[in-house]
Amino acid sequence: MLAGGAVSHNHFHFHRDAMDSALARGLWDVVLAHADALETYTADEPAPWSDFFITRTRLFARAGLDGRSDDHDKRVATLQATAQAADLKLAHDQISNTA
């Protein structure tokens, strides 16, 4: 459906929602596939919004796959601060509940 020529915000929101859904279910390969797809879509014109969700998604997917890294808590705190500064309240709450 997206490959058929959807407008940009559909790509952004579809992949973000798919990442959230897959994270909630522990479907790590699906999570990473959607992060990669969004990154590919925005490669020519990166956006802070998409970069934030890609970074957040990969952090939690890696923790799910490999366990928490030594710097996990520091990276979570950075994401929380970014979400708060950008007024991404739902994302901030999700990070707080997931961390």
PDB file of N, CA and C in Angstrom:
ATOM      1  N   MET A   1       0.818  -1.181   0.000  1.00  0.00           N
ATOM      2  CA  MET A   1       0.000   0.000   0.000  1.00  0.00           C
ATOM      3  C   MET A   1       0.872   1.259   0.000  1.00  0.00           C
ATOM      4  N   LEU A   2       1.885   1.299   0.855  1.00  0.00           N
ATOM      5  CA  LEU A   2       2.768   2.466   0.890  1.00  0.00           C
ATOM      6  C   LEU A   2       3.588   2.576  -0.393  1.00  0.00           C
ATOM      7  N   ALA A   3       3.990   1.436  -0.923  1.00  0.00           N
ATOM      8  CA  ALA A   3       4.801   1.440  -2.140  1.00  0.00           C
ATOM      9  C   ALA A   3       4.025   1.978  -3.339  1.00  0.00           C
ATOM     10  N   GLY A   4       2.708   1.993  -3.238  1.00  0.00           N
ATOM     11  CA  GLY A   4       1.871   2.475  -4.325  1.00  0.00           C
ATOM     12  C   GLY A   4       1.820   3.981  -4.444  1.00  0.00           C
ATOM     13  N   GLY A   5       2.518   4.702  -3.585  1.00  0.00           N
ATOM     14  CA  GLY A   5       2.580   6.150  -3.711  1.00  0.00           C
ATOM     15  C   GLY A   5       1.829   6.913  -2.644  1.00  0.00           C
ATOM     16  N   ALA A   6       1.868   6.449  -1.423  1.00  0.00           N
ATOM     17  CA  ALA A   6       1.196   7.149  -0.317  1.00  0.00           C
ATOM     18  C   ALA A   6       1.956   8.425   0.043  1.00  0.00           C
ATOM     19  N   VAL A   7       1.243   9.381   0.608  1.00  0.00           N
ATOM     20  CA  VAL A   7       1.884  10.626   1.042  1.00  0.00           C
ATOM     21  C   VAL A   7       2.806  10.346   2.233  1.00  0.00           C
ATOM     22  N   SER A   8       3.768  11.224   2.423  1.00  0.00           N
ATOM     23  CA  SER A   8       4.839  10.989   3.399  1.00  0.00           C
ATOM     24  C   SER A   8       4.354  10.694   4.807  1.00  0.00           C
ATOM     25  N   HIS A   9       3.369  11.445   5.290  1.00  0.00           N
ATOM     26  CA  HIS A   9       2.963  11.224   6.681  1.00  0.00           C
ATOM     27  C   HIS A   9       2.412   9.820   6.886  1.00  0.00           C
ATOM     28  N   ASN A  10       1.898   9.186   5.848  1.00  0.00           N
ATOM     29  CA  ASN A  10       1.437   7.803   5.987  1.00  0.00           C
ATOM     30  C   ASN A  10       2.610   6.869   6.267  1.00  0.00           C
ATOM     31  N   HIS A  11       3.738   7.090   5.595  1.00  0.00           N
ATOM     32  CA  HIS A  11       4.931   6.283   5.844  1.00  0.00           C
ATOM     33  C   HIS A  11       5.402   6.469   7.285  1.00  0.00           C
ATOM     34  N   PHE A  12       5.477   7.714   7.709  1.00  0.00           N
ATOM     35  CA  PHE A  12       5.956   8.019   9.061  1.00  0.00           C
ATOM     36  C   PHE A  12       5.082   7.344  10.123  1.00  0.00           C
ATOM     37  N   HIS A  13       3.796   7.562  10.035  1.00  0.00           N
ATOM     38  CA  HIS A  13       2.895   7.064  11.080  1.00  0.00           C
ATOM     39  C   HIS A  13       2.678   5.558  10.999  1.00  0.00           C
ATOM     40  N   PHE A  14       2.623   5.005   9.794  1.00  0.00           N
ATOM     41  CA  PHE A  14       2.460   3.557   9.676  1.00  0.00           C
ATOM     42  C   PHE A  14       3.625   2.838  10.335  1.00  0.00           C
ATOM     43  N   HIS A  15       4.845   3.232   9.970  1.00  0.00           N
ATOM     44  CA  HIS A  15       6.006   2.537  10.531  1.00  0.00           C
ATOM     45  C   HIS A  15       6.130   2.767  12.034  1.00  0.00           C
ATOM     46  N   ARG A  16       5.829   3.968  12.513  1.00  0.00           N
ATOM     47  CA  ARG A  16       5.867   4.209  13.959  1.00  0.00           C
ATOM     48  C   ARG A  16       4.851   3.320  14.676  1.00  0.00           C
ATOM     49  N   ASP A  17       3.628   3.251  14.156  1.00  0.00           N
ATOM     50  CA  ASP A  17       2.599   2.416  14.777  1.00  0.00           C
ATOM     51  C   ASP A  17       2.965   0.936  14.696  1.00  0.00           C
ATOM     52  N   ALA A  18       3.526   0.519  13.571  1.00  0.00           N
ATOM     53  CA  ALA A  18       3.938  -0.879  13.420  1.00  0.00           C
ATOM     54  C   ALA A  18       5.074  -1.212  14.383  1.00  0.00           C
ATOM     55  N   MET A  19       6.006  -0.273  14.570  1.00  0.00           N
ATOM     56  CA  MET A  19       7.088  -0.492  15.532  1.00  0.00           C
ATOM     57  C   MET A  19       6.525  -0.629  16.941  1.00  0.00           C
ATOM     58  N   ASP A  20       5.591   0.237  17.305  1.00  0.00           N
ATOM     59  CA  ASP A  20       4.979   0.176  18.637  1.00  0.00           C
ATOM     60  C   ASP A  20       4.262  -1.150  18.853  1.00  0.00           C
ATOM     61  N   SER A  21       3.500  -1.567  17.857  1.00  0.00           N
ATOM     62  CA  SER A  21       2.748  -2.818  17.963  1.00  0.00           C
ATOM     63  C   SER A  21       3.690  -4.011  18.100  1.00  0.00           C
ATOM     64  N   ALA A  22       4.727  -4.042  17.285  1.00  0.00           N
ATOM     65  CA  ALA A  22       5.675  -5.149  17.338  1.00  0.00           C
ATOM     66  C   ALA A  22       6.484  -5.134  18.637  1.00  0.00           C
ATOM     67  N   LEU A  23       6.843  -3.945  19.129  1.00  0.00           N
ATOM     68  CA  LEU A  23       7.539  -3.858  20.417  1.00  0.00           C
ATOM     69  C   LEU A  23       6.688  -4.454  21.531  1.00  0.00           C
ATOM     70  N   ALA A  24       5.410  -4.129  21.531  1.00  0.00           N
ATOM     71  CA  ALA A  24       4.503  -4.616  22.575  1.00  0.00           C
ATOM     72  C   ALA A  24       4.380  -6.137  22.552  1.00  0.00           C
ATOM     73  N   ARG A  25       4.604  -6.728  21.402  1.00  0.00           N
ATOM     74  CA  ARG A  25       4.468  -8.176  21.250  1.00  0.00           C
ATOM     75  C   ARG A  25       5.810  -8.912  21.279  1.00  0.00           C
ATOM     76  N   GLY A  26       6.892  -8.159  21.364  1.00  0.00           N
ATOM     77  CA  GLY A  26       8.210  -8.790  21.378  1.00  0.00           C
ATOM     78  C   GLY A  26       8.613  -9.380  20.042  1.00  0.00           C
ATOM     79  N   LEU A  27       8.091  -8.836  18.959  1.00  0.00           N
ATOM     80  CA  LEU A  27       8.419  -9.314  17.613  1.00  0.00           C
ATOM     81  C   LEU A  27       9.628  -8.529  17.095  1.00  0.00           C
ATOM     82  N   TRP A  28      10.803  -8.886  17.600  1.00  0.00           N
ATOM     83  CA  TRP A  28      12.001  -8.079  17.399  1.00  0.00           C
ATOM     84  C   TRP A  28      12.386  -7.937  15.931  1.00  0.00           C
ATOM     85  N   ASP A  29      12.256  -9.006  15.138  1.00  0.00           N
ATOM     86  CA  ASP A  29      12.594  -8.906  13.718  1.00  0.00           C
ATOM     87  C   ASP A  29      11.660  -7.940  12.998  1.00  0.00           C
ATOM     88  N   VAL A  30      10.391  -7.965  13.359  1.00  0.00           N
ATOM     89  CA  VAL A  30       9.410  -7.051  12.762  1.00  0.00           C
ATOM     90  C   VAL A  30       9.717  -5.616  13.189  1.00  0.00           C
ATOM     91  N   VAL A  31      10.039  -5.452  14.459  1.00  0.00           N
ATOM     92  CA  VAL A  31      10.398  -4.132  14.987  1.00  0.00           C
ATOM     93  C   VAL A  31      11.545  -3.540  14.172  1.00  0.00           C
ATOM     94  N   LEU A  32      12.604  -4.315  14.018  1.00  0.00           N
ATOM     95  CA  LEU A  32      13.786  -3.821  13.314  1.00  0.00           C
ATOM     96  C   LEU A  32      13.525  -3.617  11.829  1.00  0.00           C
ATOM     97  N   ALA A  33      12.677  -4.448  11.239  1.00  0.00           N
ATOM     98  CA  ALA A  33      12.338  -4.281   9.818  1.00  0.00           C
ATOM     99  C   ALA A  33      11.630  -2.950   9.582  1.00  0.00           C
ATOM    100  N   HIS A  34      10.729  -2.578  10.477  1.00  0.00           N
ATOM    101  CA  HIS A  34      10.026  -1.298  10.320  1.00  0.00           C
ATOM    102  C   HIS A  34      10.948  -0.115  10.612  1.00  0.00           C
ATOM    103  N   ALA A  35      11.852  -0.271  11.559  1.00  0.00           N
ATOM    104  CA  ALA A  35      12.835   0.794  11.807  1.00  0.00           C
ATOM    105  C   ALA A  35      13.713   0.988  10.575  1.00  0.00           C
ATOM    106  N   ASP A  36      14.143  -0.120   9.983  1.00  0.00           N
ATOM    107  CA  ASP A  36      14.962  -0.038   8.771  1.00  0.00           C
ATOM    108  C   ASP A  36      14.183   0.584   7.616  1.00  0.00           C
ATOM    109  N   ALA A  37      12.911   0.205   7.480  1.00  0.00           N
ATOM    110  CA  ALA A  37      12.087   0.742   6.390  1.00  0.00           C
ATOM    111  C   ALA A  37      11.894   2.247   6.538  1.00  0.00           C
ATOM    112  N   LEU A  38      11.643   2.701   7.752  1.00  0.00           N
ATOM    113  CA  LEU A  38      11.470   4.137   7.968  1.00  0.00           C
ATOM    114  C   LEU A  38      12.785   4.878   7.734  1.00  0.00           C
ATOM    115  N   GLU A  39      13.880   4.289   8.172  1.00  0.00           N
ATOM    116  CA  GLU A  39      15.181   4.913   7.948  1.00  0.00           C
ATOM    117  C   GLU A  39      15.487   5.010   6.451  1.00  0.00           C
ATOM    118  N   THR A  40      15.176   3.968   5.712  1.00  0.00           N
ATOM    119  CA  THR A  40      15.384   3.985   4.264  1.00  0.00           C
ATOM    120  C   THR A  40      14.520   5.047   3.609  1.00  0.00           C
ATOM    121  N   TYR A  41      13.264   5.129   4.038  1.00  0.00           N
ATOM    122  CA  TYR A  41      12.350   6.110   3.456  1.00  0.00           C
ATOM    123  C   TYR A  41      12.831   7.541   3.698  1.00  0.00           C
ATOM    124  N   THR A  42      13.411   7.790   4.849  1.00  0.00           N
ATOM    125  CA  THR A  42      13.831   9.156   5.200  1.00  0.00           C
ATOM    126  C   THR A  42      15.312   9.424   4.920  1.00  0.00           C
ATOM    127  N   ALA A  43      15.990   8.481   4.288  1.00  0.00           N
ATOM    128  CA  ALA A  43      17.443   8.607   4.095  1.00  0.00           C
ATOM    129  C   ALA A  43      17.845   9.884   3.365  1.00  0.00           C
ATOM    130  N   ASP A  44      17.092  10.258   2.353  1.00  0.00           N
ATOM    131  CA  ASP A  44      17.440  11.461   1.589  1.00  0.00           C
ATOM    132  C   ASP A  44      17.091  12.749   2.319  1.00  0.00           C
ATOM    133  N   GLU A  45      16.166  12.649   3.250  1.00  0.00           N
ATOM    134  CA  GLU A  45      15.718  13.829   3.997  1.00  0.00           C
ATOM    135  C   GLU A  45      15.403  13.433   5.440  1.00  0.00           C
ATOM    136  N   PRO A  46      16.445  13.151   6.238  1.00  0.00           N
ATOM    137  CA  PRO A  46      16.202  12.732   7.622  1.00  0.00           C
ATOM    138  C   PRO A  46      15.414  13.790   8.395  1.00  0.00           C
ATOM    139  N   ALA A  47      14.604  13.308   9.311  1.00  0.00           N
ATOM    140  CA  ALA A  47      13.782  14.203  10.131  1.00  0.00           C
ATOM    141  C   ALA A  47      13.979  13.841  11.600  1.00  0.00           C
ATOM    142  N   PRO A  48      14.080  14.817  12.474  1.00  0.00           N
ATOM    143  CA  PRO A  48      14.261  14.522  13.899  1.00  0.00           C
ATOM    144  C   PRO A  48      13.174  13.604  14.454  1.00  0.00           C
ATOM    145  N   TRP A  49      11.934  13.783  14.015  1.00  0.00           N
ATOM    146  CA  TRP A  49      10.824  12.959  14.506  1.00  0.00           C
ATOM    147  C   TRP A  49      11.073  11.487  14.183  1.00  0.00           C
ATOM    148  N   SER A  50      11.366  11.192  12.930  1.00  0.00           N
ATOM    149  CA  SER A  50      11.588   9.795  12.553  1.00  0.00           C
ATOM    150  C   SER A  50      12.868   9.260  13.187  1.00  0.00           C
ATOM    151  N   ASP A  51      13.924  10.068  13.236  1.00  0.00           N
ATOM    152  CA  ASP A  51      15.169   9.625  13.875  1.00  0.00           C
ATOM    153  C   ASP A  51      14.936   9.248  15.336  1.00  0.00           C
ATOM    154  N   PHE A  52      14.119  10.024  16.028  1.00  0.00           N
ATOM    155  CA  PHE A  52      13.803   9.730  17.425  1.00  0.00           C
ATOM    156  C   PHE A  52      13.151   8.352  17.551  1.00  0.00           C
ATOM    157  N   PHE A  53      12.113   8.092  16.748  1.00  0.00           N
ATOM    158  CA  PHE A  53      11.394   6.824  16.866  1.00  0.00           C
ATOM    159  C   PHE A  53      12.235   5.639  16.396  1.00  0.00           C
ATOM    160  N   ILE A  54      13.076   5.840  15.406  1.00  0.00           N
ATOM    161  CA  ILE A  54      13.978   4.772  14.966  1.00  0.00           C
ATOM    162  C   ILE A  54      14.961   4.433  16.085  1.00  0.00           C
ATOM    163  N   THR A  55      15.557   5.446  16.688  1.00  0.00           N
ATOM    164  CA  THR A  55      16.512   5.234  17.777  1.00  0.00           C
ATOM    165  C   THR A  55      15.849   4.546  18.963  1.00  0.00           C
ATOM    166  N   ARG A  56      14.679   5.043  19.354  1.00  0.00           N
ATOM    167  CA  ARG A  56      13.944   4.454  20.477  1.00  0.00           C
ATOM    168  C   ARG A  56      13.626   2.989  20.206  1.00  0.00           C
ATOM    169  N   THR A  57      13.153   2.719  19.018  1.00  0.00           N
ATOM    170  CA  THR A  57      12.751   1.366  18.658  1.00  0.00           C
ATOM    171  C   THR A  57      13.936   0.417  18.674  1.00  0.00           C
ATOM    172  N   ARG A  58      15.029   0.833  18.086  1.00  0.00           N
ATOM    173  CA  ARG A  58      16.215  -0.031  18.049  1.00  0.00           C
ATOM    174  C   ARG A  58      16.778  -0.276  19.446  1.00  0.00           C
ATOM    175  N   LEU A  59      16.746   0.724  20.297  1.00  0.00           N
ATOM    176  CA  LEU A  59      17.235   0.554  21.665  1.00  0.00           C
ATOM    177  C   LEU A  59      16.456  -0.545  22.382  1.00  0.00           C
ATOM    178  N   PHE A  60      15.134  -0.490  22.308  1.00  0.00           N
ATOM    179  CA  PHE A  60      14.327  -1.482  23.012  1.00  0.00           C
ATOM    180  C   PHE A  60      14.348  -2.845  22.326  1.00  0.00           C
ATOM    181  N   ALA A  61      14.476  -2.864  21.009  1.00  0.00           N
ATOM    182  CA  ALA A  61      14.590  -4.146  20.307  1.00  0.00           C
ATOM    183  C   ALA A  61      15.895  -4.840  20.677  1.00  0.00           C
ATOM    184  N   ARG A  62      16.984  -4.084  20.713  1.00  0.00           N
ATOM    185  CA  ARG A  62      18.276  -4.673  21.091  1.00  0.00           C
ATOM    186  C   ARG A  62      18.241  -5.186  22.533  1.00  0.00           C
ATOM    187  N   ALA A  63      17.587  -4.456  23.409  1.00  0.00           N
ATOM    188  CA  ALA A  63      17.455  -4.920  24.797  1.00  0.00           C
ATOM    189  C   ALA A  63      16.647  -6.210  24.839  1.00  0.00           C
ATOM    190  N   GLY A  64      15.609  -6.297  24.006  1.00  0.00           N
ATOM    191  CA  GLY A  64      14.797  -7.509  23.954  1.00  0.00           C
ATOM    192  C   GLY A  64      15.551  -8.690  23.377  1.00  0.00           C
ATOM    193  N   LEU A  65      16.394  -8.434  22.393  1.00  0.00           N
ATOM    194  CA  LEU A  65      17.153  -9.503  21.743  1.00  0.00           C
ATOM    195  C   LEU A  65      18.373  -9.930  22.544  1.00  0.00           C
ATOM    196  N   ASP A  66      19.127  -8.960  23.023  1.00  0.00           N
ATOM    197  CA  ASP A  66      20.441  -9.233  23.605  1.00  0.00           C
ATOM    198  C   ASP A  66      20.555  -8.913  25.086  1.00  0.00           C
ATOM    199  N   GLY A  67      19.500  -8.389  25.672  1.00  0.00           N
ATOM    200  CA  GLY A  67      19.583  -7.910  27.039  1.00  0.00           C
ATOM    201  C   GLY A  67      20.068  -6.468  27.046  1.00  0.00           C
ATOM    202  N   ARG A  68      19.936  -5.844  28.159  1.00  0.00           N
ATOM    203  CA  ARG A  68      20.313  -4.426  28.268  1.00  0.00           C
ATOM    204  C   ARG A  68      21.822  -4.263  28.215  1.00  0.00           C
ATOM    205  N   SER A  69      22.251  -3.291  27.439  1.00  0.00           N
ATOM    206  CA  SER A  69      23.673  -2.973  27.375  1.00  0.00           C
ATOM    207  C   SER A  69      24.052  -2.146  28.607  1.00  0.00           C
ATOM    208  N   ASP A  70      25.350  -1.966  28.795  1.00  0.00           N
ATOM    209  CA  ASP A  70      25.825  -1.204  29.953  1.00  0.00           C
ATOM    210  C   ASP A  70      25.323   0.234  29.948  1.00  0.00           C
ATOM    211  N   ASP A  71      25.124   0.787  28.752  1.00  0.00           N
ATOM    212  CA  ASP A  71      24.693   2.184  28.665  1.00  0.00           C
ATOM    213  C   ASP A  71      23.192   2.336  28.415  1.00  0.00           C
ATOM    214  N   HIS A  72      22.435   1.260  28.597  1.00  0.00           N
ATOM    215  CA  HIS A  72      20.992   1.283  28.319  1.00  0.00           C
ATOM    216  C   HIS A  72      20.272   2.389  29.091  1.00  0.00           C
ATOM    217  N   ASP A  73      20.473   2.444  30.385  1.00  0.00           N
ATOM    218  CA  ASP A  73      19.763   3.435  31.203  1.00  0.00           C
ATOM    219  C   ASP A  73      20.119   4.866  30.798  1.00  0.00           C
ATOM    220  N   LYS A  74      21.372   5.087  30.445  1.00  0.00           N
ATOM    221  CA  LYS A  74      21.798   6.417  30.000  1.00  0.00           C
ATOM    222  C   LYS A  74      21.112   6.772  28.681  1.00  0.00           C
ATOM    223  N   ARG A  75      21.027   5.815  27.777  1.00  0.00           N
ATOM    224  CA  ARG A  75      20.381   6.063  26.482  1.00  0.00           C
ATOM    225  C   ARG A  75      18.881   6.281  26.653  1.00  0.00           C
ATOM    226  N   VAL A  76      18.265   5.556  27.581  1.00  0.00           N
ATOM    227  CA  VAL A  76      16.838   5.763  27.875  1.00  0.00           C
ATOM    228  C   VAL A  76      16.624   7.171  28.414  1.00  0.00           C
ATOM    229  N   ALA A  77      17.480   7.607  29.326  1.00  0.00           N
ATOM    230  CA  ALA A  77      17.353   8.956  29.892  1.00  0.00           C
ATOM    231  C   ALA A  77      17.488  10.023  28.805  1.00  0.00           C
ATOM    232  N   THR A  78      18.390   9.805  27.868  1.00  0.00           N
ATOM    233  CA  THR A  78      18.549  10.740  26.748  1.00  0.00           C
ATOM    234  C   THR A  78      17.283  10.780  25.905  1.00  0.00           C
ATOM    235  N   LEU A  79      16.704   9.612  25.625  1.00  0.00           N
ATOM    236  CA  LEU A  79      15.454   9.563  24.859  1.00  0.00           C
ATOM    237  C   LEU A  79      14.319  10.257  25.606  1.00  0.00           C
ATOM    238  N   GLN A  80      14.237  10.034  26.906  1.00  0.00           N
ATOM    239  CA  GLN A  80      13.191  10.689  27.696  1.00  0.00           C
ATOM    240  C   GLN A  80      13.340  12.205  27.647  1.00  0.00           C
ATOM    241  N   ALA A  81      14.551  12.685  27.760  1.00  0.00           N
ATOM    242  CA  ALA A  81      14.789  14.132  27.702  1.00  0.00           C
ATOM    243  C   ALA A  81      14.436  14.687  26.326  1.00  0.00           C
ATOM    244  N   THR A  82      14.771  13.947  25.289  1.00  0.00           N
ATOM    245  CA  THR A  82      14.434  14.372  23.928  1.00  0.00           C
ATOM    246  C   THR A  82      12.928  14.417  23.743  1.00  0.00           C
ATOM    247  N   ALA A  83      12.239  13.378  24.207  1.00  0.00           N
ATOM    248  CA  ALA A  83      10.777  13.331  24.085  1.00  0.00           C
ATOM    249  C   ALA A  83      10.136  14.488  24.838  1.00  0.00           C
ATOM    250  N   GLN A  84      10.633  14.768  26.018  1.00  0.00           N
ATOM    251  CA  GLN A  84      10.074  15.864  26.806  1.00  0.00           C
ATOM    252  C   GLN A  84      10.324  17.207  26.124  1.00  0.00           C
ATOM    253  N   ALA A  85      11.521  17.413  25.627  1.00  0.00           N
ATOM    254  CA  ALA A  85      11.856  18.680  24.963  1.00  0.00           C
ATOM    255  C   ALA A  85      11.043  18.888  23.689  1.00  0.00           C
ATOM    256  N   ALA A  86      10.715  17.789  23.007  1.00  0.00           N
ATOM    257  CA  ALA A  86       9.950  17.875  21.760  1.00  0.00           C
ATOM    258  C   ALA A  86       8.447  17.790  21.998  1.00  0.00           C
ATOM    259  N   ASP A  87       8.051  17.718  23.260  1.00  0.00           N
ATOM    260  CA  ASP A  87       6.634  17.622  23.636  1.00  0.00           C
ATOM    261  C   ASP A  87       5.968  16.370  23.063  1.00  0.00           C
ATOM    262  N   LEU A  88       6.732  15.271  23.035  1.00  0.00           N
ATOM    263  CA  LEU A  88       6.209  13.973  22.614  1.00  0.00           C
ATOM    264  C   LEU A  88       5.762  13.229  23.872  1.00  0.00           C
ATOM    265  N   LYS A  89       4.646  13.668  24.431  1.00  0.00           N
ATOM    266  CA  LYS A  89       4.191  13.176  25.738  1.00  0.00           C
ATOM    267  C   LYS A  89       3.920  11.678  25.738  1.00  0.00           C
ATOM    268  N   LEU A  90       3.238  11.183  24.714  1.00  0.00           N
ATOM    269  CA  LEU A  90       2.932   9.756  24.656  1.00  0.00           C
ATOM    270  C   LEU A  90       4.216   8.940  24.557  1.00  0.00           C
ATOM    271  N   ALA A  91       5.138   9.383  23.716  1.00  0.00           N
ATOM    272  CA  ALA A  91       6.412   8.675  23.584  1.00  0.00           C
ATOM    273  C   ALA A  91       7.181   8.699  24.901  1.00  0.00           C
ATOM    274  N   HIS A  92       7.172   9.831  25.584  1.00  0.00           N
ATOM    275  CA  HIS A  92       7.854   9.937  26.879  1.00  0.00           C
ATOM    276  C   HIS A  92       7.259   8.938  27.867  1.00  0.00           C
ATOM    277  N   ASP A  93       5.941   8.871  27.925  1.00  0.00           N
ATOM    278  CA  ASP A  93       5.279   7.943  28.840  1.00  0.00           C
ATOM    279  C   ASP A  93       5.570   6.495  28.467  1.00  0.00           C
ATOM    280  N   GLN A  94       5.572   6.185  27.170  1.00  0.00           N
ATOM    281  CA  GLN A  94       5.868   4.823  26.728  1.00  0.00           C
ATOM    282  C   GLN A  94       7.291   4.433  27.107  1.00  0.00           C
ATOM    283  N   ILE A  95       8.225   5.348  26.930  1.00  0.00           N
ATOM    284  CA  ILE A  95       9.613   5.064  27.292  1.00  0.00           C
ATOM    285  C   ILE A  95       9.716   4.833  28.796  1.00  0.00           C
ATOM    286  N   SER A  96       9.057   5.667  29.572  1.00  0.00           N
ATOM    287  CA  SER A  96       9.091   5.520  31.030  1.00  0.00           C
ATOM    288  C   SER A  96       8.507   4.186  31.466  1.00  0.00           C
ATOM    289  N   ASN A  97       7.457   3.742  30.805  1.00  0.00           N
ATOM    290  CA  ASN A  97       6.807   2.482  31.164  1.00  0.00           C
ATOM    291  C   ASN A  97       7.569   1.267  30.659  1.00  0.00           C
ATOM    292  N   THR A  98       8.358   1.433  29.601  1.00  0.00           N
ATOM    293  CA  THR A  98       9.096   0.321  29.013  1.00  0.00           C
ATOM    294  C   THR A  98      10.452   0.142  29.660  1.00  0.00           C
ATOM    295  N   ALA A  99      11.069   1.260  30.019  1.00  0.00           N
ATOM    296  CA  ALA A  99      12.425   1.201  30.577  1.00  0.00           C
ATOM    297  C   ALA A  99      12.392   0.423  31.854  1.00  0.00           C
TER     298      ALA A  99
END
